[in-house]
N, C-alpha and C. Protein backbone atom coordinates (compact mmCIF):
# COMPACT_ATOMS: atom_id res chain seq x y z
N LEU A 1 15.68 -2.58 4.20
CA LEU A 1 15.31 -1.89 5.42
C LEU A 1 15.19 -2.93 6.53
N PRO A 2 15.90 -2.77 7.61
CA PRO A 2 15.82 -3.74 8.70
C PRO A 2 14.54 -3.59 9.51
N ALA A 3 14.21 -4.61 10.26
CA ALA A 3 13.04 -4.59 11.14
C ALA A 3 13.10 -3.35 12.03
N GLY A 4 11.94 -2.72 12.24
CA GLY A 4 11.85 -1.56 13.10
C GLY A 4 12.05 -0.23 12.40
N THR A 5 12.40 -0.25 11.12
CA THR A 5 12.57 1.01 10.38
C THR A 5 11.22 1.71 10.28
N ILE A 6 11.21 3.02 10.54
CA ILE A 6 10.00 3.83 10.39
C ILE A 6 10.33 4.94 9.41
N TRP A 7 9.56 5.02 8.33
CA TRP A 7 9.76 6.03 7.30
C TRP A 7 8.55 6.96 7.32
N LYS A 8 8.79 8.25 7.56
CA LYS A 8 7.72 9.26 7.57
C LYS A 8 8.13 10.39 6.64
N SER A 9 7.19 10.83 5.82
CA SER A 9 7.48 11.93 4.91
C SER A 9 6.17 12.46 4.34
N PRO A 10 6.14 13.74 3.96
CA PRO A 10 4.95 14.25 3.28
C PRO A 10 4.93 13.86 1.81
N SER A 11 6.03 13.32 1.29
CA SER A 11 6.08 12.88 -0.10
C SER A 11 6.22 11.37 -0.15
N GLY A 12 6.63 10.83 -1.26
CA GLY A 12 6.76 9.39 -1.39
C GLY A 12 8.17 8.98 -1.74
N VAL A 13 8.32 7.70 -2.08
CA VAL A 13 9.61 7.17 -2.48
C VAL A 13 9.39 6.26 -3.68
N THR A 14 10.30 6.33 -4.65
CA THR A 14 10.20 5.52 -5.86
C THR A 14 11.36 4.53 -5.89
N ILE A 15 11.03 3.27 -6.11
CA ILE A 15 12.00 2.19 -6.18
C ILE A 15 12.14 1.78 -7.64
N ARG A 16 13.33 1.94 -8.20
CA ARG A 16 13.60 1.53 -9.58
C ARG A 16 14.55 0.33 -9.62
N GLY A 17 14.91 -0.16 -8.47
CA GLY A 17 15.77 -1.33 -8.36
C GLY A 17 15.12 -2.32 -7.42
N THR A 18 15.83 -2.68 -6.38
CA THR A 18 15.32 -3.66 -5.42
C THR A 18 15.18 -3.03 -4.04
N LEU A 19 14.04 -3.23 -3.43
CA LEU A 19 13.84 -2.87 -2.03
C LEU A 19 13.52 -4.15 -1.27
N VAL A 20 14.28 -4.40 -0.22
CA VAL A 20 13.99 -5.52 0.67
C VAL A 20 13.59 -4.90 2.00
N SER A 21 12.32 -4.95 2.29
CA SER A 21 11.78 -4.44 3.54
C SER A 21 11.58 -5.65 4.45
N ALA A 22 12.49 -5.81 5.42
CA ALA A 22 12.58 -7.05 6.18
C ALA A 22 12.11 -6.89 7.62
N GLY A 23 10.82 -6.56 7.78
CA GLY A 23 10.26 -6.51 9.12
C GLY A 23 10.06 -7.91 9.66
N VAL A 24 9.76 -7.99 10.95
CA VAL A 24 9.41 -9.26 11.58
C VAL A 24 8.08 -9.05 12.31
N ALA A 25 7.46 -10.12 12.74
CA ALA A 25 6.11 -10.05 13.30
C ALA A 25 5.97 -9.01 14.41
N ASN A 26 6.88 -8.95 15.33
CA ASN A 26 6.74 -8.02 16.46
C ASN A 26 7.53 -6.72 16.25
N ASN A 27 8.09 -6.52 15.05
CA ASN A 27 8.86 -5.31 14.77
C ASN A 27 8.83 -5.02 13.27
N PRO A 28 7.67 -4.57 12.75
CA PRO A 28 7.54 -4.35 11.31
C PRO A 28 8.31 -3.13 10.83
N VAL A 29 8.49 -3.04 9.53
CA VAL A 29 8.92 -1.81 8.87
C VAL A 29 7.64 -1.02 8.63
N ILE A 30 7.67 0.30 8.89
CA ILE A 30 6.45 1.11 8.77
C ILE A 30 6.70 2.31 7.87
N PHE A 31 5.83 2.48 6.87
CA PHE A 31 5.76 3.67 6.04
C PHE A 31 4.48 4.38 6.44
N THR A 32 4.58 5.63 6.91
CA THR A 32 3.40 6.30 7.44
C THR A 32 3.51 7.81 7.31
N SER A 33 2.48 8.48 7.74
CA SER A 33 2.39 9.94 7.72
C SER A 33 3.30 10.56 8.76
N ILE A 34 3.82 11.72 8.47
CA ILE A 34 4.61 12.48 9.43
C ILE A 34 3.75 12.89 10.63
N LYS A 35 2.43 12.87 10.46
CA LYS A 35 1.50 13.22 11.53
C LYS A 35 1.16 12.02 12.43
N ASP A 36 1.67 10.85 12.11
CA ASP A 36 1.35 9.62 12.85
C ASP A 36 2.26 9.50 14.07
N ASP A 37 1.78 9.93 15.22
CA ASP A 37 2.56 9.89 16.46
C ASP A 37 2.65 8.50 17.06
N THR A 38 1.85 7.54 16.56
CA THR A 38 1.86 6.18 17.13
C THR A 38 3.09 5.39 16.71
N SER A 39 3.79 5.85 15.68
CA SER A 39 5.02 5.19 15.22
C SER A 39 6.15 6.20 15.20
N GLY A 40 7.14 5.99 16.01
CA GLY A 40 8.29 6.88 16.03
C GLY A 40 8.09 8.18 16.77
N GLY A 41 6.96 8.33 17.45
CA GLY A 41 6.71 9.53 18.26
C GLY A 41 6.24 10.72 17.45
N ASP A 42 6.31 11.88 18.07
CA ASP A 42 5.81 13.13 17.51
C ASP A 42 6.86 13.76 16.59
N THR A 43 7.00 13.20 15.41
CA THR A 43 8.04 13.61 14.47
C THR A 43 7.91 15.07 14.04
N ASN A 44 6.68 15.53 13.86
CA ASN A 44 6.50 16.91 13.39
C ASN A 44 6.42 17.92 14.54
N GLY A 45 6.59 17.45 15.78
CA GLY A 45 6.72 18.33 16.93
C GLY A 45 5.53 19.21 17.25
N ASP A 46 4.33 18.72 16.97
CA ASP A 46 3.15 19.54 17.23
C ASP A 46 2.24 18.99 18.32
N GLY A 47 2.77 18.08 19.13
CA GLY A 47 1.92 17.47 20.16
C GLY A 47 0.79 16.70 19.52
N ASN A 48 -0.41 16.92 20.01
CA ASN A 48 -1.57 16.23 19.42
C ASN A 48 -2.41 17.17 18.56
N THR A 49 -1.79 18.23 18.02
CA THR A 49 -2.51 19.20 17.19
C THR A 49 -2.99 18.58 15.88
N THR A 50 -2.19 17.71 15.27
CA THR A 50 -2.58 17.08 14.01
C THR A 50 -2.71 15.58 14.20
N SER A 51 -3.54 14.99 13.36
CA SER A 51 -3.73 13.54 13.33
C SER A 51 -3.53 13.05 11.91
N PRO A 52 -3.06 11.83 11.74
CA PRO A 52 -2.86 11.31 10.39
C PRO A 52 -4.20 11.02 9.72
N SER A 53 -4.21 11.10 8.39
CA SER A 53 -5.40 10.73 7.63
C SER A 53 -4.98 10.22 6.26
N ALA A 54 -5.92 9.59 5.58
CA ALA A 54 -5.67 9.06 4.24
C ALA A 54 -5.12 10.16 3.35
N SER A 55 -4.17 9.81 2.51
CA SER A 55 -3.56 10.70 1.52
C SER A 55 -2.61 11.74 2.11
N ASP A 56 -2.12 11.55 3.33
CA ASP A 56 -1.16 12.49 3.92
C ASP A 56 0.16 12.54 3.14
N TRP A 57 0.54 11.42 2.54
CA TRP A 57 1.75 11.37 1.72
C TRP A 57 1.41 10.63 0.44
N THR A 58 2.31 10.60 -0.52
CA THR A 58 1.96 10.03 -1.82
C THR A 58 2.06 8.51 -1.83
N SER A 59 3.20 7.94 -2.19
CA SER A 59 3.21 6.50 -2.37
C SER A 59 4.60 5.88 -2.23
N LEU A 60 4.57 4.61 -1.99
CA LEU A 60 5.73 3.74 -2.09
C LEU A 60 5.58 3.13 -3.49
N SER A 61 6.39 3.60 -4.44
CA SER A 61 6.22 3.22 -5.84
C SER A 61 7.30 2.27 -6.32
N PHE A 62 6.86 1.21 -6.98
CA PHE A 62 7.77 0.26 -7.62
C PHE A 62 7.59 0.46 -9.12
N ILE A 63 8.63 0.97 -9.78
CA ILE A 63 8.53 1.33 -11.18
C ILE A 63 9.54 0.54 -12.01
N GLN A 64 9.05 -0.26 -12.91
CA GLN A 64 9.88 -0.97 -13.88
C GLN A 64 11.15 -1.53 -13.28
N ASN A 65 11.04 -2.13 -12.11
CA ASN A 65 12.25 -2.72 -11.53
C ASN A 65 12.45 -4.12 -12.10
N ARG A 66 13.64 -4.37 -12.59
CA ARG A 66 13.96 -5.65 -13.19
C ARG A 66 14.20 -6.71 -12.11
N ALA A 67 14.63 -6.27 -10.94
CA ALA A 67 14.90 -7.20 -9.85
C ALA A 67 13.65 -7.33 -8.98
N THR A 68 13.65 -8.28 -8.09
CA THR A 68 12.51 -8.54 -7.23
C THR A 68 12.64 -7.77 -5.94
N SER A 69 11.59 -7.03 -5.61
CA SER A 69 11.50 -6.36 -4.32
C SER A 69 10.59 -7.16 -3.42
N THR A 70 10.82 -7.08 -2.12
CA THR A 70 9.97 -7.80 -1.17
C THR A 70 9.59 -6.88 -0.01
N LEU A 71 8.35 -7.01 0.40
CA LEU A 71 7.85 -6.36 1.61
C LEU A 71 7.42 -7.49 2.54
N THR A 72 8.11 -7.66 3.63
CA THR A 72 7.77 -8.69 4.61
C THR A 72 7.51 -7.99 5.93
N TYR A 73 6.37 -8.28 6.55
CA TYR A 73 5.97 -7.61 7.78
C TYR A 73 6.22 -6.10 7.64
N THR A 74 5.57 -5.54 6.65
CA THR A 74 5.67 -4.11 6.36
C THR A 74 4.28 -3.49 6.42
N THR A 75 4.18 -2.34 7.07
CA THR A 75 2.92 -1.61 7.16
C THR A 75 3.01 -0.34 6.33
N VAL A 76 2.00 -0.10 5.50
CA VAL A 76 1.91 1.12 4.71
C VAL A 76 0.56 1.75 5.05
N ARG A 77 0.60 2.95 5.67
CA ARG A 77 -0.68 3.57 6.05
C ARG A 77 -0.64 5.08 5.87
N TYR A 78 -1.83 5.64 5.70
CA TYR A 78 -2.08 7.08 5.54
C TYR A 78 -1.47 7.67 4.27
N GLY A 79 -1.20 6.86 3.28
CA GLY A 79 -0.66 7.34 2.01
C GLY A 79 -1.74 7.39 0.94
N GLY A 80 -1.30 7.51 -0.29
CA GLY A 80 -2.22 7.50 -1.42
C GLY A 80 -2.55 8.86 -1.98
N GLY A 81 -1.87 9.91 -1.53
CA GLY A 81 -2.13 11.24 -2.06
C GLY A 81 -1.57 11.39 -3.47
N ARG A 82 -1.99 12.44 -4.14
CA ARG A 82 -1.50 12.71 -5.50
C ARG A 82 -0.19 13.49 -5.44
N SER A 83 0.68 13.23 -6.40
CA SER A 83 1.95 13.97 -6.47
C SER A 83 1.73 15.39 -6.99
N HIS A 84 0.65 15.61 -7.71
CA HIS A 84 0.28 16.93 -8.23
C HIS A 84 -1.24 16.92 -8.40
N PRO A 85 -1.92 18.04 -8.15
CA PRO A 85 -3.39 18.06 -8.25
C PRO A 85 -3.94 17.59 -9.59
N SER A 86 -3.17 17.74 -10.67
CA SER A 86 -3.66 17.30 -11.98
C SER A 86 -3.44 15.81 -12.22
N GLN A 87 -2.71 15.15 -11.34
CA GLN A 87 -2.42 13.72 -11.49
C GLN A 87 -3.53 12.88 -10.87
N PRO A 88 -3.74 11.67 -11.40
CA PRO A 88 -4.73 10.78 -10.78
C PRO A 88 -4.19 10.17 -9.49
N TYR A 89 -5.09 9.68 -8.67
CA TYR A 89 -4.67 8.93 -7.49
C TYR A 89 -4.16 7.57 -7.95
N GLU A 90 -3.04 7.12 -7.41
CA GLU A 90 -2.49 5.84 -7.84
C GLU A 90 -2.06 4.97 -6.67
N GLY A 91 -2.65 5.16 -5.52
CA GLY A 91 -2.44 4.25 -4.42
C GLY A 91 -1.26 4.55 -3.52
N ALA A 92 -1.35 4.07 -2.29
CA ALA A 92 -0.26 4.21 -1.32
C ALA A 92 0.89 3.28 -1.70
N VAL A 93 0.57 2.10 -2.22
CA VAL A 93 1.57 1.22 -2.83
C VAL A 93 1.24 1.25 -4.32
N ARG A 94 2.18 1.75 -5.11
CA ARG A 94 1.98 1.93 -6.55
C ARG A 94 2.95 1.00 -7.27
N ILE A 95 2.40 0.13 -8.11
CA ILE A 95 3.22 -0.86 -8.81
C ILE A 95 2.97 -0.72 -10.30
N SER A 96 4.00 -0.35 -11.05
CA SER A 96 3.85 -0.13 -12.49
C SER A 96 5.02 -0.80 -13.22
N GLY A 97 4.72 -1.84 -13.97
CA GLY A 97 5.76 -2.56 -14.68
C GLY A 97 6.72 -3.28 -13.76
N ALA A 98 6.24 -3.64 -12.60
CA ALA A 98 7.05 -4.31 -11.58
C ALA A 98 6.20 -5.40 -10.93
N SER A 99 6.84 -6.28 -10.19
CA SER A 99 6.12 -7.38 -9.54
C SER A 99 6.75 -7.72 -8.20
N PRO A 100 6.55 -6.89 -7.19
CA PRO A 100 7.11 -7.20 -5.87
C PRO A 100 6.37 -8.35 -5.20
N GLU A 101 6.98 -8.88 -4.18
CA GLU A 101 6.37 -9.91 -3.35
C GLU A 101 6.02 -9.27 -2.00
N ILE A 102 4.75 -9.37 -1.63
CA ILE A 102 4.26 -8.73 -0.40
C ILE A 102 3.72 -9.82 0.50
N ARG A 103 4.37 -10.00 1.66
CA ARG A 103 3.98 -11.08 2.57
C ARG A 103 3.85 -10.55 4.00
N ASN A 104 2.82 -11.03 4.69
CA ASN A 104 2.60 -10.70 6.10
C ASN A 104 2.62 -9.19 6.33
N SER A 105 2.02 -8.46 5.42
CA SER A 105 2.07 -7.00 5.49
C SER A 105 0.67 -6.41 5.63
N THR A 106 0.62 -5.13 6.02
CA THR A 106 -0.64 -4.43 6.23
C THR A 106 -0.65 -3.17 5.38
N ILE A 107 -1.70 -3.02 4.59
CA ILE A 107 -1.94 -1.82 3.78
C ILE A 107 -3.25 -1.25 4.34
N ALA A 108 -3.19 -0.09 5.03
CA ALA A 108 -4.37 0.37 5.76
C ALA A 108 -4.48 1.90 5.82
N TYR A 109 -5.72 2.36 5.89
CA TYR A 109 -6.05 3.78 6.11
C TYR A 109 -5.50 4.69 5.02
N ASN A 110 -5.38 4.19 3.82
CA ASN A 110 -4.90 4.99 2.71
C ASN A 110 -6.09 5.49 1.91
N GLY A 111 -5.85 6.42 1.03
CA GLY A 111 -6.98 6.87 0.24
C GLY A 111 -6.57 7.53 -1.05
N PRO A 112 -7.38 7.42 -2.02
CA PRO A 112 -8.55 6.54 -2.09
C PRO A 112 -8.23 5.12 -2.53
N ILE A 113 -6.94 4.82 -2.77
CA ILE A 113 -6.56 3.47 -3.20
C ILE A 113 -5.43 2.96 -2.31
N GLY A 114 -5.61 1.76 -1.76
CA GLY A 114 -4.55 1.17 -0.96
C GLY A 114 -3.38 0.72 -1.81
N MET A 115 -3.65 -0.15 -2.79
CA MET A 115 -2.61 -0.67 -3.66
C MET A 115 -3.10 -0.61 -5.10
N TRP A 116 -2.29 0.01 -5.98
CA TRP A 116 -2.63 0.22 -7.39
C TRP A 116 -1.61 -0.51 -8.24
N MET A 117 -2.09 -1.24 -9.26
CA MET A 117 -1.18 -1.97 -10.14
C MET A 117 -1.51 -1.73 -11.60
N ALA A 118 -0.45 -1.55 -12.41
CA ALA A 118 -0.56 -1.49 -13.86
C ALA A 118 0.60 -2.29 -14.45
N HIS A 119 0.31 -3.13 -15.42
CA HIS A 119 1.35 -3.94 -16.08
C HIS A 119 2.16 -4.74 -15.04
N SER A 120 1.47 -5.33 -14.10
CA SER A 120 2.11 -6.13 -13.05
C SER A 120 1.60 -7.56 -13.19
N THR A 121 2.45 -8.43 -13.68
CA THR A 121 1.98 -9.77 -14.05
C THR A 121 2.33 -10.88 -13.07
N SER A 122 3.23 -10.64 -12.12
CA SER A 122 3.56 -11.73 -11.20
C SER A 122 3.73 -11.26 -9.76
N THR A 123 3.03 -10.20 -9.37
CA THR A 123 3.06 -9.76 -7.98
C THR A 123 2.41 -10.83 -7.11
N ILE A 124 2.98 -11.05 -5.95
CA ILE A 124 2.44 -11.99 -4.97
C ILE A 124 2.01 -11.20 -3.75
N ILE A 125 0.77 -11.42 -3.31
CA ILE A 125 0.27 -10.85 -2.06
C ILE A 125 -0.17 -12.04 -1.22
N ALA A 126 0.51 -12.26 -0.09
CA ALA A 126 0.22 -13.45 0.71
C ALA A 126 0.17 -13.10 2.20
N ASP A 127 -0.80 -13.70 2.88
CA ASP A 127 -0.91 -13.63 4.34
C ASP A 127 -0.86 -12.18 4.83
N SER A 128 -1.58 -11.30 4.15
CA SER A 128 -1.55 -9.88 4.45
C SER A 128 -2.93 -9.35 4.81
N LEU A 129 -2.99 -8.08 5.16
CA LEU A 129 -4.23 -7.40 5.54
C LEU A 129 -4.34 -6.12 4.73
N ILE A 130 -5.44 -5.95 4.01
CA ILE A 130 -5.73 -4.74 3.25
C ILE A 130 -7.05 -4.22 3.80
N GLU A 131 -6.98 -3.10 4.55
CA GLU A 131 -8.19 -2.68 5.28
C GLU A 131 -8.35 -1.16 5.39
N GLU A 132 -9.59 -0.79 5.70
CA GLU A 132 -9.98 0.58 6.06
C GLU A 132 -9.69 1.60 4.97
N HIS A 133 -10.01 1.25 3.74
CA HIS A 133 -9.94 2.21 2.64
C HIS A 133 -11.37 2.67 2.40
N ARG A 134 -11.73 3.76 3.13
CA ARG A 134 -13.10 4.27 3.10
C ARG A 134 -13.10 5.69 3.64
N ASP A 135 -14.13 6.44 3.28
CA ASP A 135 -14.32 7.77 3.85
C ASP A 135 -15.78 8.16 3.70
N ALA A 136 -16.12 9.38 4.10
CA ALA A 136 -17.51 9.83 4.09
C ALA A 136 -17.88 10.57 2.81
N THR A 137 -16.97 10.68 1.84
CA THR A 137 -17.30 11.37 0.60
C THR A 137 -18.02 10.44 -0.36
N THR A 138 -18.38 10.96 -1.52
CA THR A 138 -19.03 10.13 -2.54
C THR A 138 -18.02 9.37 -3.38
N ASP A 139 -16.71 9.65 -3.21
CA ASP A 139 -15.67 8.92 -3.94
C ASP A 139 -15.60 7.48 -3.43
N THR A 140 -15.30 6.56 -4.32
CA THR A 140 -15.12 5.17 -3.92
C THR A 140 -13.66 4.94 -3.56
N PHE A 141 -13.44 4.33 -2.41
CA PHE A 141 -12.10 3.95 -1.96
C PHE A 141 -11.93 2.45 -2.23
N TYR A 142 -10.73 2.07 -2.68
CA TYR A 142 -10.45 0.70 -3.08
C TYR A 142 -9.29 0.13 -2.26
N GLY A 143 -9.41 -1.13 -1.87
CA GLY A 143 -8.28 -1.82 -1.26
C GLY A 143 -7.21 -2.12 -2.29
N LEU A 144 -7.64 -2.67 -3.43
CA LEU A 144 -6.73 -3.07 -4.50
C LEU A 144 -7.35 -2.64 -5.83
N PHE A 145 -6.58 -1.93 -6.66
CA PHE A 145 -7.06 -1.41 -7.93
C PHE A 145 -6.15 -1.94 -9.03
N LEU A 146 -6.71 -2.77 -9.93
CA LEU A 146 -5.92 -3.43 -10.97
C LEU A 146 -6.28 -2.89 -12.34
N THR A 147 -5.26 -2.51 -13.11
CA THR A 147 -5.47 -1.99 -14.45
C THR A 147 -4.33 -2.45 -15.36
N ALA A 148 -4.53 -2.34 -16.66
CA ALA A 148 -3.49 -2.59 -17.66
C ALA A 148 -2.85 -3.98 -17.53
N SER A 149 -3.66 -5.00 -17.61
CA SER A 149 -3.19 -6.39 -17.64
C SER A 149 -2.44 -6.81 -16.39
N SER A 150 -2.92 -6.43 -15.24
CA SER A 150 -2.30 -6.85 -13.98
C SER A 150 -2.94 -8.13 -13.49
N THR A 151 -2.12 -9.05 -13.00
CA THR A 151 -2.61 -10.36 -12.59
C THR A 151 -1.91 -10.85 -11.32
N PRO A 152 -2.12 -10.19 -10.19
CA PRO A 152 -1.46 -10.65 -8.96
C PRO A 152 -2.02 -11.97 -8.46
N ALA A 153 -1.18 -12.74 -7.78
CA ALA A 153 -1.62 -13.96 -7.09
C ALA A 153 -1.84 -13.57 -5.63
N ILE A 154 -3.04 -13.85 -5.12
CA ILE A 154 -3.40 -13.45 -3.76
C ILE A 154 -3.79 -14.68 -2.97
N SER A 155 -3.17 -14.84 -1.78
CA SER A 155 -3.52 -15.97 -0.93
C SER A 155 -3.46 -15.56 0.54
N GLY A 156 -4.33 -16.14 1.34
CA GLY A 156 -4.32 -15.92 2.79
C GLY A 156 -4.43 -14.47 3.20
N THR A 157 -5.08 -13.66 2.40
CA THR A 157 -5.15 -12.22 2.64
C THR A 157 -6.57 -11.82 3.07
N ILE A 158 -6.63 -10.93 4.05
CA ILE A 158 -7.90 -10.42 4.55
C ILE A 158 -8.15 -9.04 3.96
N PHE A 159 -9.29 -8.86 3.34
CA PHE A 159 -9.76 -7.56 2.86
C PHE A 159 -10.88 -7.16 3.81
N ARG A 160 -10.68 -6.06 4.56
CA ARG A 160 -11.66 -5.70 5.59
C ARG A 160 -11.97 -4.20 5.55
N ASN A 161 -13.27 -3.90 5.60
CA ASN A 161 -13.76 -2.52 5.69
C ASN A 161 -13.24 -1.60 4.60
N ASN A 162 -13.20 -2.10 3.39
CA ASN A 162 -12.90 -1.27 2.23
C ASN A 162 -14.22 -0.95 1.54
N GLU A 163 -14.37 0.23 0.96
CA GLU A 163 -15.60 0.52 0.22
C GLU A 163 -15.76 -0.47 -0.92
N GLN A 164 -14.67 -0.75 -1.64
CA GLN A 164 -14.64 -1.82 -2.63
C GLN A 164 -13.32 -2.55 -2.44
N ASN A 165 -13.38 -3.86 -2.22
CA ASN A 165 -12.15 -4.61 -1.95
C ASN A 165 -11.19 -4.62 -3.12
N ILE A 166 -11.70 -5.05 -4.30
CA ILE A 166 -10.85 -5.16 -5.49
C ILE A 166 -11.60 -4.61 -6.69
N PHE A 167 -10.92 -3.74 -7.44
CA PHE A 167 -11.42 -3.27 -8.73
C PHE A 167 -10.53 -3.86 -9.81
N THR A 168 -11.15 -4.39 -10.87
CA THR A 168 -10.38 -4.86 -12.02
C THR A 168 -10.97 -4.24 -13.28
N ASP A 169 -10.09 -3.75 -14.15
CA ASP A 169 -10.57 -3.27 -15.45
C ASP A 169 -10.78 -4.49 -16.34
N GLY A 170 -11.12 -4.32 -17.57
CA GLY A 170 -11.40 -5.43 -18.46
C GLY A 170 -10.19 -6.27 -18.84
N THR A 171 -8.98 -5.81 -18.49
CA THR A 171 -7.77 -6.53 -18.88
C THR A 171 -7.07 -7.21 -17.70
N SER A 172 -7.56 -7.02 -16.51
CA SER A 172 -6.88 -7.51 -15.31
C SER A 172 -7.73 -8.52 -14.55
N THR A 173 -7.04 -9.35 -13.77
CA THR A 173 -7.73 -10.33 -12.95
C THR A 173 -6.79 -10.74 -11.81
N THR A 174 -7.32 -11.47 -10.86
CA THR A 174 -6.48 -12.00 -9.78
C THR A 174 -6.41 -13.51 -9.90
N THR A 175 -5.33 -14.07 -9.40
CA THR A 175 -5.22 -15.51 -9.24
C THR A 175 -5.44 -15.80 -7.77
N ASP A 176 -6.51 -16.53 -7.47
CA ASP A 176 -6.87 -16.80 -6.08
C ASP A 176 -6.12 -18.04 -5.60
N GLY A 177 -5.17 -17.80 -4.69
CA GLY A 177 -4.39 -18.91 -4.14
C GLY A 177 -5.06 -19.57 -2.95
N GLY A 178 -6.26 -19.10 -2.58
CA GLY A 178 -7.01 -19.68 -1.49
C GLY A 178 -6.76 -18.98 -0.17
N GLY A 179 -7.71 -19.15 0.74
CA GLY A 179 -7.58 -18.61 2.08
C GLY A 179 -7.84 -17.14 2.22
N ASN A 180 -8.36 -16.50 1.17
CA ASN A 180 -8.65 -15.06 1.25
C ASN A 180 -9.99 -14.85 1.95
N VAL A 181 -10.10 -13.74 2.68
CA VAL A 181 -11.32 -13.40 3.40
C VAL A 181 -11.73 -12.01 3.00
N TYR A 182 -13.02 -11.85 2.67
CA TYR A 182 -13.56 -10.54 2.26
C TYR A 182 -14.64 -10.13 3.26
N GLN A 183 -14.36 -9.10 4.04
CA GLN A 183 -15.29 -8.66 5.08
C GLN A 183 -15.76 -7.25 4.81
């Protein structure tokens, strides 16, 4: 995806191969809600009747991809909804059996999980922002949720205004590359 690409949908997208999201600092690639008029204008044609909110769409999913995907200067916001009411929440960025590289990117305003990982052993998160995963309900919102032996390397990343910055189950951990900020 070239710089400036804006993807809006009420559903999600699943990557089983390679995705190269090649935004630049002043022109990121954006994955967002169809209700988000701040990117790409009033796509759903309702003026200011609707506003985007957490879980408006499902996820950007990386599933068992053998090749390396990269997100550079990519924003993912207002996602994290369930694909079906009986399914669990699995994050706006969902990584299962894959290990993408995420650099200079923003994961924000998703719910209840910004980024979810299972069986992800070499994901890199660097120089990014994971923020505003929170709401007024009794549910806990997470910036990063690690399960099933996930071990991402995180460096230079800011975690800001999340109800819980990072959750790890008993089998997962992070590798701290330094420079991370938890606010």
